[in-house]
PDB file of N, CA and C in Angstrom:
ATOM      1  N   UNK A   1      82.787 123.946 127.302  1.00  0.00           N
ATOM      2  CA  UNK A   1      83.904 123.838 126.370  1.00  0.00           C
ATOM      3  C   UNK A   1      83.366 123.830 124.936  1.00  0.00           C
ATOM      4  N   UNK A   2      83.968 124.603 124.074  1.00  0.00           N
ATOM      5  CA  UNK A   2      83.565 124.651 122.670  1.00  0.00           C
ATOM      6  C   UNK A   2      84.174 123.457 121.941  1.00  0.00           C
ATOM      7  N   UNK A   3      83.408 122.912 121.030  1.00  0.00           N
ATOM      8  CA  UNK A   3      83.901 121.778 120.251  1.00  0.00           C
ATOM      9  C   UNK A   3      84.990 122.251 119.292  1.00  0.00           C
ATOM     10  N   UNK A   4      86.054 121.462 119.195  1.00  0.00           N
ATOM     11  CA  UNK A   4      87.118 121.756 118.237  1.00  0.00           C
ATOM     12  C   UNK A   4      86.698 121.228 116.876  1.00  0.00           C
ATOM     13  N   UNK A   5      86.994 121.998 115.837  1.00  0.00           N
ATOM     14  CA  UNK A   5      86.614 121.622 114.479  1.00  0.00           C
ATOM     15  C   UNK A   5      87.702 120.793 113.825  1.00  0.00           C
ATOM     16  N   UNK A   6      87.282 119.749 113.138  1.00  0.00           N
ATOM     17  CA  UNK A   6      88.211 118.905 112.387  1.00  0.00           C
ATOM     18  C   UNK A   6      87.494 118.442 111.123  1.00  0.00           C
ATOM     19  N   UNK A   7      88.143 118.655 109.986  1.00  0.00           N
ATOM     20  CA  UNK A   7      87.569 118.250 108.711  1.00  0.00           C
ATOM     21  C   UNK A   7      88.375 117.096 108.132  1.00  0.00           C
ATOM     22  N   UNK A   8      87.641 116.146 107.528  1.00  0.00           N
ATOM     23  CA  UNK A   8      88.250 114.987 106.877  1.00  0.00           C
ATOM     24  C   UNK A   8      87.922 115.003 105.399  1.00  0.00           C
ATOM     25  N   UNK A   9      88.889 114.636 104.583  1.00  0.00           N
ATOM     26  CA  UNK A   9      88.642 114.416 103.166  1.00  0.00           C
ATOM     27  C   UNK A   9      88.761 112.904 102.937  1.00  0.00           C
ATOM     28  N   UNK A  10      87.782 112.352 102.227  1.00  0.00           N
ATOM     29  CA  UNK A  10      87.702 110.913 101.985  1.00  0.00           C
ATOM     30  C   UNK A  10      87.895 110.680 100.494  1.00  0.00           C
ATOM     31  N   UNK A  11      88.753 109.716 100.154  1.00  0.00           N
ATOM     32  CA  UNK A  11      88.927 109.407  98.740  1.00  0.00           C
ATOM     33  C   UNK A  11      89.343 107.956  98.573  1.00  0.00           C
ATOM     34  N   UNK A  12      89.057 107.432  97.393  1.00  0.00           N
ATOM     35  CA  UNK A  12      89.424 106.060  97.071  1.00  0.00           C
ATOM     36  C   UNK A  12      90.774 106.086  96.381  1.00  0.00           C
ATOM     37  N   UNK A  13      91.757 105.432  96.994  1.00  0.00           N
ATOM     38  CA  UNK A  13      93.107 105.421  96.454  1.00  0.00           C
ATOM     39  C   UNK A  13      93.278 104.319  95.412  1.00  0.00           C
ATOM     40  N   UNK A  14      92.583 103.213  95.607  1.00  0.00           N
ATOM     41  CA  UNK A  14      92.625 102.078  94.692  1.00  0.00           C
ATOM     42  C   UNK A  14      91.341 101.282  94.913  1.00  0.00           C
ATOM     43  N   UNK A  15      90.994 100.376  94.019  1.00  0.00           N
ATOM     44  CA  UNK A  15      89.799  99.574  94.264  1.00  0.00           C
ATOM     45  C   UNK A  15      89.906  98.852  95.613  1.00  0.00           C
ATOM     46  N   UNK A  16      88.918  99.062  96.462  1.00  0.00           N
ATOM     47  CA  UNK A  16      88.909  98.415  97.771  1.00  0.00           C
ATOM     48  C   UNK A  16      89.820  99.065  98.789  1.00  0.00           C
ATOM     49  N   UNK A  17      90.293 100.296  98.533  1.00  0.00           N
ATOM     50  CA  UNK A  17      91.160 100.989  99.493  1.00  0.00           C
ATOM     51  C   UNK A  17      90.719 102.444  99.625  1.00  0.00           C
ATOM     52  N   UNK A  18      90.108 102.762 100.759  1.00  0.00           N
ATOM     53  CA  UNK A  18      89.626 104.116 101.051  1.00  0.00           C
ATOM     54  C   UNK A  18      90.562 104.788 102.032  1.00  0.00           C
ATOM     55  N   UNK A  19      90.888 106.051 101.770  1.00  0.00           N
ATOM     56  CA  UNK A  19      91.748 106.829 102.650  1.00  0.00           C
ATOM     57  C   UNK A  19      90.981 108.018 103.194  1.00  0.00           C
ATOM     58  N   UNK A  20      91.282 108.376 104.429  1.00  0.00           N
ATOM     59  CA  UNK A  20      90.715 109.552 105.077  1.00  0.00           C
ATOM     60  C   UNK A  20      91.887 110.358 105.611  1.00  0.00           C
ATOM     61  N   UNK A  21      91.907 111.648 105.327  1.00  0.00           N
ATOM     62  CA  UNK A  21      92.957 112.538 105.823  1.00  0.00           C
ATOM     63  C   UNK A  21      92.317 113.682 106.581  1.00  0.00           C
ATOM     64  N   UNK A  22      92.930 114.049 107.701  1.00  0.00           N
ATOM     65  CA  UNK A  22      92.506 115.212 108.456  1.00  0.00           C
ATOM     66  C   UNK A  22      93.115 116.461 107.861  1.00  0.00           C
ATOM     67  N   UNK A  23      92.437 117.590 107.978  1.00  0.00           N
ATOM     68  CA  UNK A  23      92.959 118.841 107.430  1.00  0.00           C
ATOM     69  C   UNK A  23      93.632 119.690 108.491  1.00  0.00           C
ATOM     70  N   UNK A  24      92.910 120.043 109.551  1.00  0.00           N
ATOM     71  CA  UNK A  24      93.494 120.891 110.596  1.00  0.00           C
ATOM     72  C   UNK A  24      94.663 120.186 111.287  1.00  0.00           C
ATOM     73  N   UNK A  25      94.593 118.865 111.329  1.00  0.00           N
ATOM     74  CA  UNK A  25      95.660 118.034 111.892  1.00  0.00           C
ATOM     75  C   UNK A  25      95.878 116.897 110.903  1.00  0.00           C
ATOM     76  N   UNK A  26      97.123 116.719 110.466  1.00  0.00           N
ATOM     77  CA  UNK A  26      97.441 115.753 109.414  1.00  0.00           C
ATOM     78  C   UNK A  26      97.420 114.330 109.961  1.00  0.00           C
ATOM     79  N   UNK A  27      96.220 113.787 110.049  1.00  0.00           N
ATOM     80  CA  UNK A  27      96.014 112.406 110.474  1.00  0.00           C
ATOM     81  C   UNK A  27      95.588 111.617 109.244  1.00  0.00           C
ATOM     82  N   UNK A  28      95.799 110.307 109.277  1.00  0.00           N
ATOM     83  CA  UNK A  28      95.389 109.488 108.143  1.00  0.00           C
ATOM     84  C   UNK A  28      94.949 108.116 108.619  1.00  0.00           C
ATOM     85  N   UNK A  29      94.006 107.543 107.883  1.00  0.00           N
ATOM     86  CA  UNK A  29      93.563 106.177 108.116  1.00  0.00           C
ATOM     87  C   UNK A  29      93.143 105.600 106.777  1.00  0.00           C
ATOM     88  N   UNK A  30      93.258 104.291 106.659  1.00  0.00           N
ATOM     89  CA  UNK A  30      92.824 103.618 105.441  1.00  0.00           C
ATOM     90  C   UNK A  30      92.123 102.326 105.817  1.00  0.00           C
ATOM     91  N   UNK A  31      91.214 101.886 104.956  1.00  0.00           N
ATOM     92  CA  UNK A  31      90.485 100.644 105.188  1.00  0.00           C
ATOM     93  C   UNK A  31      89.829 100.208 103.891  1.00  0.00           C
ATOM     94  N   UNK A  32      89.203  99.035 103.933  1.00  0.00           N
ATOM     95  CA  UNK A  32      88.544  98.497 102.746  1.00  0.00           C
ATOM     96  C   UNK A  32      87.227  99.179 102.429  1.00  0.00           C
ATOM     97  N   UNK A  33      86.577  99.757 103.452  1.00  0.00           N
ATOM     98  CA  UNK A  33      85.312 100.449 103.212  1.00  0.00           C
ATOM     99  C   UNK A  33      85.409 101.881 103.726  1.00  0.00           C
ATOM    100  N   UNK A  34      84.504 102.713 103.262  1.00  0.00           N
ATOM    101  CA  UNK A  34      84.467 104.110 103.697  1.00  0.00           C
ATOM    102  C   UNK A  34      84.198 104.177 105.194  1.00  0.00           C
ATOM    103  N   UNK A  35      83.193 103.438 105.641  1.00  0.00           N
ATOM    104  CA  UNK A  35      82.824 103.453 107.053  1.00  0.00           C
ATOM    105  C   UNK A  35      83.958 103.014 107.958  1.00  0.00           C
ATOM    106  N   UNK A  36      84.661 101.940 107.572  1.00  0.00           N
ATOM    107  CA  UNK A  36      85.793 101.469 108.377  1.00  0.00           C
ATOM    108  C   UNK A  36      86.898 102.509 108.444  1.00  0.00           C
ATOM    109  N   UNK A  37      87.171 103.168 107.333  1.00  0.00           N
ATOM    110  CA  UNK A  37      88.235 104.177 107.303  1.00  0.00           C
ATOM    111  C   UNK A  37      87.877 105.363 108.193  1.00  0.00           C
ATOM    112  N   UNK A  38      86.625 105.819 108.124  1.00  0.00           N
ATOM    113  CA  UNK A  38      86.208 106.961 108.945  1.00  0.00           C
ATOM    114  C   UNK A  38      86.190 106.567 110.424  1.00  0.00           C
ATOM    115  N   UNK A  39      85.674 105.368 110.739  1.00  0.00           N
ATOM    116  CA  UNK A  39      85.687 104.922 112.144  1.00  0.00           C
ATOM    117  C   UNK A  39      87.112 104.827 112.675  1.00  0.00           C
ATOM    118  N   UNK A  40      88.041 104.386 111.845  1.00  0.00           N
ATOM    119  CA  UNK A  40      89.447 104.278 112.265  1.00  0.00           C
ATOM    120  C   UNK A  40      90.037 105.638 112.614  1.00  0.00           C
ATOM    121  N   UNK A  41      89.791 106.626 111.763  1.00  0.00           N
ATOM    122  CA  UNK A  41      90.378 107.941 112.036  1.00  0.00           C
ATOM    123  C   UNK A  41      89.699 108.604 113.233  1.00  0.00           C
ATOM    124  N   UNK A  42      88.406 108.344 113.436  1.00  0.00           N
ATOM    125  CA  UNK A  42      87.716 108.897 114.601  1.00  0.00           C
ATOM    126  C   UNK A  42      88.268 108.263 115.877  1.00  0.00           C
ATOM    127  N   UNK A  43      88.540 106.952 115.842  1.00  0.00           N
ATOM    128  CA  UNK A  43      89.171 106.299 117.010  1.00  0.00           C
ATOM    129  C   UNK A  43      90.560 106.864 117.269  1.00  0.00           C
ATOM    130  N   UNK A  44      91.290 107.162 116.197  1.00  0.00           N
ATOM    131  CA  UNK A  44      92.624 107.763 116.334  1.00  0.00           C
ATOM    132  C   UNK A  44      92.526 109.137 116.993  1.00  0.00           C
ATOM    133  N   UNK A  45      91.562 109.937 116.566  1.00  0.00           N
ATOM    134  CA  UNK A  45      91.347 111.261 117.166  1.00  0.00           C
ATOM    135  C   UNK A  45      91.029 111.105 118.648  1.00  0.00           C
ATOM    136  N   UNK A  46      90.138 110.188 118.969  1.00  0.00           N
ATOM    137  CA  UNK A  46      89.746 109.986 120.362  1.00  0.00           C
ATOM    138  C   UNK A  46      90.926 109.532 121.221  1.00  0.00           C
ATOM    139  N   UNK A  47      91.698 108.570 120.736  1.00  0.00           N
ATOM    140  CA  UNK A  47      92.842 108.055 121.500  1.00  0.00           C
ATOM    141  C   UNK A  47      93.894 109.138 121.725  1.00  0.00           C
ATOM    142  N   UNK A  48      94.221 109.895 120.671  1.00  0.00           N
ATOM    143  CA  UNK A  48      95.233 110.942 120.823  1.00  0.00           C
ATOM    144  C   UNK A  48      94.741 112.088 121.698  1.00  0.00           C
ATOM    145  N   UNK A  49      93.454 112.407 121.605  1.00  0.00           N
ATOM    146  CA  UNK A  49      92.890 113.460 122.445  1.00  0.00           C
ATOM    147  C   UNK A  49      92.980 113.069 123.914  1.00  0.00           C
ATOM    148  N   UNK A  50      92.614 111.828 124.231  1.00  0.00           N
ATOM    149  CA  UNK A  50      92.688 111.347 125.618  1.00  0.00           C
ATOM    150  C   UNK A  50      94.132 111.362 126.119  1.00  0.00           C
ATOM    151  N   UNK A  51      95.069 110.938 125.270  1.00  0.00           N
ATOM    152  CA  UNK A  51      96.484 110.963 125.642  1.00  0.00           C
ATOM    153  C   UNK A  51      96.936 112.396 125.923  1.00  0.00           C
ATOM    154  N   UNK A  52      96.576 113.301 125.023  1.00  0.00           N
ATOM    155  CA  UNK A  52      96.993 114.699 125.180  1.00  0.00           C
ATOM    156  C   UNK A  52      96.427 115.317 126.454  1.00  0.00           C
ATOM    157  N   UNK A  53      95.184 115.029 126.790  1.00  0.00           N
ATOM    158  CA  UNK A  53      94.598 115.551 128.031  1.00  0.00           C
ATOM    159  C   UNK A  53      95.334 115.005 129.252  1.00  0.00           C
ATOM    160  N   UNK A  54      95.665 113.716 129.229  1.00  0.00           N
ATOM    161  CA  UNK A  54      96.393 113.119 130.367  1.00  0.00           C
ATOM    162  C   UNK A  54      97.763 113.757 130.559  1.00  0.00           C
ATOM    163  N   UNK A  55      98.356 114.235 129.475  1.00  0.00           N
ATOM    164  CA  UNK A  55      99.704 114.799 129.533  1.00  0.00           C
ATOM    165  C   UNK A  55      99.721 116.324 129.424  1.00  0.00           C
ATOM    166  N   UNK A  56      98.568 116.950 129.647  1.00  0.00           N
ATOM    167  CA  UNK A  56      98.435 118.414 129.637  1.00  0.00           C
ATOM    168  C   UNK A  56      98.901 119.065 128.334  1.00  0.00           C
ATOM    169  N   UNK A  57      98.574 118.435 127.216  1.00  0.00           N
ATOM    170  CA  UNK A  57      98.868 119.000 125.895  1.00  0.00           C
ATOM    171  C   UNK A  57      97.558 119.414 125.240  1.00  0.00           C
ATOM    172  N   UNK A  58      97.654 120.334 124.335  1.00  0.00           N
ATOM    173  CA  UNK A  58      96.477 120.686 123.526  1.00  0.00           C
ATOM    174  C   UNK A  58      96.130 119.482 122.646  1.00  0.00           C
ATOM    175  N   UNK A  59      94.838 119.200 122.442  1.00  0.00           N
ATOM    176  CA  UNK A  59      94.457 118.035 121.639  1.00  0.00           C
ATOM    177  C   UNK A  59      95.063 118.055 120.241  1.00  0.00           C
ATOM    178  N   UNK A  60      95.672 116.956 119.880  1.00  0.00           N
ATOM    179  CA  UNK A  60      96.280 116.731 118.560  1.00  0.00           C
ATOM    180  C   UNK A  60      97.387 117.724 118.222  1.00  0.00           C
ATOM    181  N   UNK A  61      97.994 118.314 119.224  1.00  0.00           N
ATOM    182  CA  UNK A  61      99.040 119.314 118.988  1.00  0.00           C
ATOM    183  C   UNK A  61     100.274 118.741 118.297  1.00  0.00           C
ATOM    184  N   UNK A  62     100.435 117.435 118.315  1.00  0.00           N
ATOM    185  CA  UNK A  62     101.590 116.815 117.662  1.00  0.00           C
ATOM    186  C   UNK A  62     101.423 116.725 116.146  1.00  0.00           C
ATOM    187  N   UNK A  63     100.223 117.016 115.658  1.00  0.00           N
ATOM    188  CA  UNK A  63      99.932 116.867 114.238  1.00  0.00           C
ATOM    189  C   UNK A  63      99.724 118.228 113.578  1.00  0.00           C
ATOM    190  N   UNK A  64     100.620 118.625 112.676  1.00  0.00           N
ATOM    191  CA  UNK A  64     100.463 119.915 111.980  1.00  0.00           C
ATOM    192  C   UNK A  64      99.336 119.824 110.944  1.00  0.00           C
ATOM    193  N   UNK A  65      98.941 120.942 110.358  1.00  0.00           N
ATOM    194  CA  UNK A  65      97.918 120.902 109.298  1.00  0.00           C
ATOM    195  C   UNK A  65      98.415 120.095 108.099  1.00  0.00           C
ATOM    196  N   UNK A  66      97.474 119.560 107.344  1.00  0.00           N
ATOM    197  CA  UNK A  66      97.847 118.769 106.167  1.00  0.00           C
ATOM    198  C   UNK A  66      98.232 119.684 105.004  1.00  0.00           C
ATOM    199  N   UNK A  67      98.737 119.079 103.959  1.00  0.00           N
ATOM    200  CA  UNK A  67      99.188 119.811 102.775  1.00  0.00           C
ATOM    201  C   UNK A  67      98.006 120.471 102.062  1.00  0.00           C
ATOM    202  N   UNK A  68      98.287 121.522 101.332  1.00  0.00           N
ATOM    203  CA  UNK A  68      97.253 122.294 100.637  1.00  0.00           C
ATOM    204  C   UNK A  68      96.443 121.440  99.665  1.00  0.00           C
ATOM    205  N   UNK A  69      97.052 120.433  99.067  1.00  0.00           N
ATOM    206  CA  UNK A  69      96.317 119.599  98.112  1.00  0.00           C
ATOM    207  C   UNK A  69      95.110 118.922  98.769  1.00  0.00           C
ATOM    208  N   UNK A  70      95.230 118.551 100.047  1.00  0.00           N
ATOM    209  CA  UNK A  70      94.101 117.924 100.746  1.00  0.00           C
ATOM    210  C   UNK A  70      93.012 118.954 101.057  1.00  0.00           C
ATOM    211  N   UNK A  71      93.412 120.175 101.400  1.00  0.00           N
ATOM    212  CA  UNK A  71      92.439 121.248 101.619  1.00  0.00           C
ATOM    213  C   UNK A  71      91.665 121.521 100.331  1.00  0.00           C
ATOM    214  N   UNK A  72      92.377 121.545  99.212  1.00  0.00           N
ATOM    215  CA  UNK A  72      91.733 121.783  97.918  1.00  0.00           C
ATOM    216  C   UNK A  72      90.758 120.655  97.576  1.00  0.00           C
ATOM    217  N   UNK A  73      91.172 119.424  97.841  1.00  0.00           N
ATOM    218  CA  UNK A  73      90.305 118.273  97.564  1.00  0.00           C
ATOM    219  C   UNK A  73      89.042 118.336  98.419  1.00  0.00           C
ATOM    220  N   UNK A  74      89.177 118.764  99.672  1.00  0.00           N
ATOM    221  CA  UNK A  74      88.013 118.899 100.558  1.00  0.00           C
ATOM    222  C   UNK A  74      87.081 119.991 100.038  1.00  0.00           C
ATOM    223  N   UNK A  75      87.650 121.123  99.688  1.00  0.00           N
ATOM    224  CA  UNK A  75      86.842 122.256  99.223  1.00  0.00           C
ATOM    225  C   UNK A  75      86.065 121.912  97.954  1.00  0.00           C
ATOM    226  N   UNK A  76      86.641 121.104  97.088  1.00  0.00           N
ATOM    227  CA  UNK A  76      85.980 120.726  95.840  1.00  0.00           C
ATOM    228  C   UNK A  76      85.092 119.493  96.003  1.00  0.00           C
ATOM    229  N   UNK A  77      85.133 118.880  97.185  1.00  0.00           N
ATOM    230  CA  UNK A  77      84.426 117.624  97.408  1.00  0.00           C
ATOM    231  C   UNK A  77      82.954 117.786  97.737  1.00  0.00           C
ATOM    232  N   UNK A  78      82.315 116.646  97.975  1.00  0.00           N
ATOM    233  CA  UNK A  78      80.900 116.578  98.318  1.00  0.00           C
ATOM    234  C   UNK A  78      80.763 116.288  99.806  1.00  0.00           C
ATOM    235  N   UNK A  79      80.167 117.203 100.584  1.00  0.00           N
ATOM    236  CA  UNK A  79      80.022 116.983 102.027  1.00  0.00           C
ATOM    237  C   UNK A  79      79.139 115.771 102.325  1.00  0.00           C
ATOM    238  N   UNK A  80      79.486 115.056 103.403  1.00  0.00           N
ATOM    239  CA  UNK A  80      78.686 113.919 103.842  1.00  0.00           C
ATOM    240  C   UNK A  80      78.641 113.924 105.366  1.00  0.00           C
ATOM    241  N   UNK A  81      77.456 113.810 105.948  1.00  0.00           N
ATOM    242  CA  UNK A  81      77.364 113.771 107.415  1.00  0.00           C
ATOM    243  C   UNK A  81      77.934 112.458 107.964  1.00  0.00           C
ATOM    244  N   UNK A  82      78.625 112.541 109.085  1.00  0.00           N
ATOM    245  CA  UNK A  82      79.173 111.334 109.702  1.00  0.00           C
ATOM    246  C   UNK A  82      78.074 110.344 110.038  1.00  0.00           C
ATOM    247  N   UNK A  83      76.914 110.844 110.450  1.00  0.00           N
ATOM    248  CA  UNK A  83      75.796 109.967 110.813  1.00  0.00           C
ATOM    249  C   UNK A  83      75.399 109.079 109.637  1.00  0.00           C
ATOM    250  N   UNK A  84      75.510 109.599 108.421  1.00  0.00           N
ATOM    251  CA  UNK A  84      75.170 108.811 107.239  1.00  0.00           C
ATOM    252  C   UNK A  84      76.127 107.635 107.076  1.00  0.00           C
ATOM    253  N   UNK A  85      77.324 107.760 107.630  1.00  0.00           N
ATOM    254  CA  UNK A  85      78.312 106.681 107.580  1.00  0.00           C
ATOM    255  C   UNK A  85      78.247 105.799 108.825  1.00  0.00           C
ATOM    256  N   UNK A  86      77.324 106.130 109.733  1.00  0.00           N
ATOM    257  CA  UNK A  86      77.196 105.344 110.959  1.00  0.00           C
ATOM    258  C   UNK A  86      78.301 105.626 111.956  1.00  0.00           C
ATOM    259  N   UNK A  87      78.821 106.858 111.951  1.00  0.00           N
ATOM    260  CA  UNK A  87      79.937 107.240 112.820  1.00  0.00           C
ATOM    261  C   UNK A  87      79.530 108.437 113.664  1.00  0.00           C
ATOM    262  N   UNK A  88      79.893 108.408 114.939  1.00  0.00           N
ATOM    263  CA  UNK A  88      79.632 109.541 115.838  1.00  0.00           C
ATOM    264  C   UNK A  88      80.960 110.221 116.165  1.00  0.00           C
ATOM    265  N   UNK A  89      80.933 111.541 116.210  1.00  0.00           N
ATOM    266  CA  UNK A  89      82.146 112.296 116.560  1.00  0.00           C
ATOM    267  C   UNK A  89      82.437 112.127 118.043  1.00  0.00           C
ATOM    268  N   UNK A  90      83.717 112.059 118.425  1.00  0.00           N
ATOM    269  CA  UNK A  90      84.059 111.980 119.850  1.00  0.00           C
ATOM    270  C   UNK A  90      83.631 113.256 120.567  1.00  0.00           C
ATOM    271  N   UNK A  91      83.452 113.153 121.861  1.00  0.00           N
ATOM    272  CA  UNK A  91      83.061 114.311 122.678  1.00  0.00           C
ATOM    273  C   UNK A  91      84.084 115.434 122.491  1.00  0.00           C
ATOM    274  N   UNK A  92      83.588 116.652 122.339  1.00  0.00           N
ATOM    275  CA  UNK A  92      84.454 117.819 122.209  1.00  0.00           C
ATOM    276  C   UNK A  92      84.918 118.111 120.790  1.00  0.00           C
ATOM    277  N   UNK A  93      84.452 117.329 119.822  1.00  0.00           N
ATOM    278  CA  UNK A  93      84.886 117.526 118.435  1.00  0.00           C
ATOM    279  C   UNK A  93      83.694 117.757 117.521  1.00  0.00           C
ATOM    280  N   UNK A  94      83.832 118.729 116.621  1.00  0.00           N
ATOM    281  CA  UNK A  94      82.886 118.959 115.544  1.00  0.00           C
ATOM    282  C   UNK A  94      83.586 118.473 114.283  1.00  0.00           C
ATOM    283  N   UNK A  95      83.212 117.284 113.818  1.00  0.00           N
ATOM    284  CA  UNK A  95      83.904 116.673 112.681  1.00  0.00           C
ATOM    285  C   UNK A  95      83.003 116.739 111.454  1.00  0.00           C
ATOM    286  N   UNK A  96      83.594 117.215 110.365  1.00  0.00           N
ATOM    287  CA  UNK A  96      82.908 117.300 109.077  1.00  0.00           C
ATOM    288  C   UNK A  96      83.719 116.521 108.058  1.00  0.00           C
ATOM    289  N   UNK A  97      83.030 115.919 107.102  1.00  0.00           N
ATOM    290  CA  UNK A  97      83.715 115.107 106.099  1.00  0.00           C
ATOM    291  C   UNK A  97      83.193 115.438 104.711  1.00  0.00           C
ATOM    292  N   UNK A  98      84.044 115.186 103.715  1.00  0.00           N
ATOM    293  CA  UNK A  98      83.652 115.377 102.317  1.00  0.00           C
ATOM    294  C   UNK A  98      84.366 114.344 101.456  1.00  0.00           C
ATOM    295  N   UNK A  99      83.648 113.839 100.450  1.00  0.00           N
ATOM    296  CA  UNK A  99      84.253 112.950  99.467  1.00  0.00           C
ATOM    297  C   UNK A  99      84.979 113.798  98.445  1.00  0.00           C
ATOM    298  N   UNK A 100      86.216 113.450  98.168  1.00  0.00           N
ATOM    299  CA  UNK A 100      86.979 114.169  97.148  1.00  0.00           C
ATOM    300  C   UNK A 100      86.502 113.736  95.770  1.00  0.00           C
ATOM    301  N   UNK A 101      86.334 114.691  94.888  1.00  0.00           N
ATOM    302  CA  UNK A 101      85.938 114.373  93.519  1.00  0.00           C
ATOM    303  C   UNK A 101      87.161 114.022  92.667  1.00  0.00           C
ATOM    304  N   UNK A 102      88.325 114.452  93.132  1.00  0.00           N
ATOM    305  CA  UNK A 102      89.594 114.109  92.479  1.00  0.00           C
ATOM    306  C   UNK A 102      90.570 113.700  93.558  1.00  0.00           C
ATOM    307  N   UNK A 103      91.499 112.848  93.213  1.00  0.00           N
ATOM    308  CA  UNK A 103      92.532 112.474  94.173  1.00  0.00           C
ATOM    309  C   UNK A 103      93.395 113.688  94.476  1.00  0.00           C
ATOM    310  N   UNK A 104      93.803 113.864  95.730  1.00  0.00           N
ATOM    311  CA  UNK A 104      94.635 115.017  96.070  1.00  0.00           C
ATOM    312  C   UNK A 104      95.944 115.071  95.288  1.00  0.00           C
ATOM    313  N   UNK A 105      96.451 113.918  94.850  1.00  0.00           N
ATOM    314  CA  UNK A 105      97.732 113.914  94.136  1.00  0.00           C
ATOM    315  C   UNK A 105      97.587 114.246  92.653  1.00  0.00           C
ATOM    316  N   UNK A 106      96.355 114.292  92.169  1.00  0.00           N
ATOM    317  CA  UNK A 106      96.154 114.610  90.752  1.00  0.00           C
ATOM    318  C   UNK A 106      96.349 116.095  90.516  1.00  0.00           C
ATOM    319  N   UNK A 107      97.293 116.421  89.696  1.00  0.00           N
ATOM    320  CA  UNK A 107      97.514 117.812  89.328  1.00  0.00           C
ATOM    321  C   UNK A 107      97.362 117.915  87.825  1.00  0.00           C
ATOM    322  N   UNK A 108      97.038 119.090  87.389  1.00  0.00           N
ATOM    323  CA  UNK A 108      96.911 119.276  85.944  1.00  0.00           C
ATOM    324  C   UNK A 108      98.276 119.045  85.288  1.00  0.00           C
ATOM    325  N   UNK A 109      98.204 118.437  84.124  1.00  0.00           N
ATOM    326  CA  UNK A 109      99.419 118.162  83.370  1.00  0.00           C
ATOM    327  C   UNK A 109     100.028 119.457  82.877  1.00  0.00           C
ATOM    328  N   UNK A 110     101.295 119.631  83.182  1.00  0.00           N
ATOM    329  CA  UNK A 110     102.042 120.785  82.681  1.00  0.00           C
ATOM    330  C   UNK A 110     103.252 120.250  81.940  1.00  0.00           C
ATOM    331  N   UNK A 111     103.339 120.506  80.648  1.00  0.00           N
ATOM    332  CA  UNK A 111     104.487 119.992  79.908  1.00  0.00           C
ATOM    333  C   UNK A 111     105.787 120.610  80.421  1.00  0.00           C
ATOM    334  N   UNK A 112     106.770 119.766  80.520  1.00  0.00           N
ATOM    335  CA  UNK A 112     108.090 120.205  80.968  1.00  0.00           C
ATOM    336  C   UNK A 112     108.964 120.331  79.724  1.00  0.00           C
ATOM    337  N   UNK A 113     109.628 121.455  79.557  1.00  0.00           N
ATOM    338  CA  UNK A 113     110.462 121.608  78.354  1.00  0.00           C
ATOM    339  C   UNK A 113     111.607 120.593  78.364  1.00  0.00           C
ATOM    340  N   UNK A 114     111.852 120.038  77.219  1.00  0.00           N
ATOM    341  CA  UNK A 114     112.937 119.066  77.080  1.00  0.00           C
ATOM    342  C   UNK A 114     114.215 119.808  76.677  1.00  0.00           C
ATOM    343  N   UNK A 115     115.279 119.499  77.375  1.00  0.00           N
ATOM    344  CA  UNK A 115     116.562 120.113  77.062  1.00  0.00           C
ATOM    345  C   UNK A 115     117.500 119.045  76.561  1.00  0.00           C
ATOM    346  N   UNK A 116     118.199 119.351  75.521  1.00  0.00           N
ATOM    347  CA  UNK A 116     119.193 118.408  75.017  1.00  0.00           C
ATOM    348  C   UNK A 116     120.523 118.762  75.652  1.00  0.00           C
ATOM    349  N   UNK A 117     121.449 117.862  75.574  1.00  0.00           N
ATOM    350  CA  UNK A 117     122.773 118.085  76.156  1.00  0.00           C
ATOM    351  C   UNK A 117     123.444 119.306  75.522  1.00  0.00           C
ATOM    352  N   UNK A 118     123.204 119.505  74.231  1.00  0.00           N
ATOM    353  CA  UNK A 118     123.840 120.639  73.542  1.00  0.00           C
ATOM    354  C   UNK A 118     123.300 121.963  74.086  1.00  0.00           C
ATOM    355  N   UNK A 119     121.995 122.014  74.453  1.00  0.00           N
ATOM    356  CA  UNK A 119     121.421 123.251  74.941  1.00  0.00           C
ATOM    357  C   UNK A 119     121.817 123.506  76.391  1.00  0.00           C
ATOM    358  N   UNK A 120     122.144 122.471  77.117  1.00  0.00           N
ATOM    359  CA  UNK A 120     122.505 122.632  78.529  1.00  0.00           C
ATOM    360  C   UNK A 120     123.976 122.916  78.717  1.00  0.00           C
ATOM    361  N   UNK A 121     124.780 122.675  77.722  1.00  0.00           N
ATOM    362  CA  UNK A 121     126.232 122.815  77.872  1.00  0.00           C
ATOM    363  C   UNK A 121     126.665 124.238  77.889  1.00  0.00           C
TER     364      UNK A 121
END
């Protein structure tokens, strides 16, 4: 069996709050440390994969791909091996991770034109 690929983007949402999002399947986990957050999402992948196999579903088929902003954050991020975080990928999965250099919700500022009531009438 070929390993299924799954990529995670890791980012700090607030001081002491790390988030991990899956790309191919929109999964999420959060924790106080990077390692805890990654271990949480890996356990989630393992639990859902086992459930899906028991019920004759494709692994993680209930989870659609994540939003483009997370893909962009991953592509611009810094890759990190799971082993460096002390995490092992579940059997049958090729998991790759990257630290986001920017939060996925950060978009470039675009000024919005202001309309007055007289111009809208």
